[in-house]
Amino acid sequence: MQSDQQLTLYYLPFRARAEAIRMILEYAGILYQDVTVPMKDWRGIKGHTEIAPFDQLPSMRLPSGEIIAETGAIVRLVAKLARIYPEDPFAA
């Protein structure tokens, strides 16, 4: 993935729900920007669909500009990008 097509991960200043996402991206060597939303700014960001579409984090901005949310959905996406997610739906 080229740097102009970089993923952007948004999360709060701790590991928790975003850690599996980060681990997969690092394992695969996929470039991404890790944006930490300070706790003091979270109330102001919450409700803004451009970062937190369901009023929660983590979320990820795709190279197309689209935002996806929900940890499970993001993990599945990055696992597919990393080629560690089975193509067979019954093996997944």
Protein backbone atom coordinates (compact mmCIF):
# COMPACT_ATOMS: atom_id res chain seq x y z
CA MET A 1 0.00 0.00 0.00
CA GLN A 2 1.51 3.33 -1.01
CA SER A 3 1.83 6.14 1.52
CA ASP A 4 -0.82 8.21 -0.30
CA GLN A 5 -3.13 5.21 0.16
CA GLN A 6 -2.46 4.86 3.86
CA LEU A 7 -4.93 3.61 6.43
CA THR A 8 -5.63 5.77 9.47
CA LEU A 9 -6.55 4.17 12.79
CA TYR A 10 -8.30 6.32 15.42
CA TYR A 11 -8.38 5.25 19.04
CA LEU A 12 -8.03 6.48 22.60
CA PRO A 13 -4.68 6.54 24.48
CA PHE A 14 -4.62 2.88 25.47
CA ARG A 15 -4.36 -0.54 23.81
CA ALA A 16 -7.64 -2.38 24.47
CA ARG A 17 -9.82 -2.75 21.37
CA ALA A 18 -7.31 -1.37 18.86
CA GLU A 19 -4.39 -3.58 19.86
CA ALA A 20 -5.32 -6.57 17.67
CA ILE A 21 -5.67 -4.19 14.71
CA ARG A 22 -2.24 -2.69 15.35
CA MET A 23 -0.65 -6.12 15.80
CA ILE A 24 -1.96 -7.37 12.44
CA LEU A 25 -0.88 -4.21 10.63
CA GLU A 26 2.60 -4.39 12.16
CA TYR A 27 2.91 -8.12 11.48
CA ALA A 28 2.09 -7.57 7.81
CA GLY A 29 4.20 -4.43 7.45
CA ILE A 30 1.19 -2.43 6.29
CA LEU A 31 1.72 1.31 6.57
CA TYR A 32 -0.84 3.11 8.68
CA GLN A 33 -1.22 6.24 10.70
CA ASP A 34 -2.09 5.68 14.35
CA VAL A 35 -4.05 8.70 15.59
CA THR A 36 -4.49 8.88 19.36
CA VAL A 37 -7.54 10.86 20.41
CA PRO A 38 -6.77 12.45 23.80
CA MET A 39 -9.40 11.76 26.47
CA LYS A 40 -9.91 15.51 26.93
CA ASP A 41 -10.92 15.79 23.23
CA TRP A 42 -13.11 12.67 23.11
CA ARG A 43 -16.38 14.37 24.14
CA GLY A 44 -15.97 16.89 21.34
CA ILE A 45 -15.24 14.21 18.74
CA LYS A 46 -17.94 11.82 19.88
CA GLY A 47 -20.90 12.20 17.56
CA HIS A 48 -18.83 13.37 14.59
CA THR A 49 -19.43 10.78 11.91
CA GLU A 50 -16.18 11.64 10.12
CA ILE A 51 -14.21 9.93 12.92
CA ALA A 52 -16.67 8.08 15.20
CA PRO A 53 -19.68 7.00 13.12
CA PHE A 54 -21.31 5.06 15.98
CA ASP A 55 -20.06 7.37 18.74
CA GLN A 56 -17.28 4.92 19.54
CA LEU A 57 -13.72 4.04 18.67
CA PRO A 58 -11.72 2.42 17.18
CA SER A 59 -12.48 3.52 13.66
CA MET A 60 -10.40 3.41 10.52
CA ARG A 61 -10.24 5.75 7.54
CA LEU A 62 -9.65 3.84 4.32
CA PRO A 63 -7.61 5.20 1.39
CA SER A 64 -10.93 6.01 -0.33
CA GLY A 65 -11.84 8.33 2.58
CA GLU A 66 -14.55 5.99 3.87
CA ILE A 67 -14.66 5.39 7.63
CA ILE A 68 -15.34 1.95 9.04
CA ALA A 69 -16.00 1.18 12.68
CA GLU A 70 -16.41 -1.78 15.01
CA THR A 71 -13.32 -3.68 16.08
CA GLY A 72 -14.38 -6.98 14.52
CA ALA A 73 -14.99 -5.45 11.11
CA ILE A 74 -11.65 -3.62 11.17
CA VAL A 75 -9.80 -6.77 12.28
CA ARG A 76 -11.33 -8.77 9.43
CA LEU A 77 -10.39 -6.07 6.90
CA VAL A 78 -6.76 -5.76 8.01
CA ALA A 79 -6.42 -9.56 8.28
CA LYS A 80 -7.56 -9.82 4.65
CA LEU A 81 -5.11 -7.08 3.64
CA ALA A 82 -2.39 -9.00 5.52
CA ARG A 83 -3.42 -12.21 3.73
CA ILE A 84 -3.91 -14.09 6.99
CA TYR A 85 -7.70 -14.41 6.73
CA PRO A 86 -8.93 -17.61 5.05
CA GLU A 87 -10.72 -17.26 1.72
CA ASP A 88 -12.90 -20.26 2.60
CA PRO A 89 -15.82 -18.87 4.67
CA PHE A 90 -16.08 -22.14 6.62
CA ALA A 91 -12.40 -21.99 7.54
CA ALA A 92 -12.74 -18.43 8.81
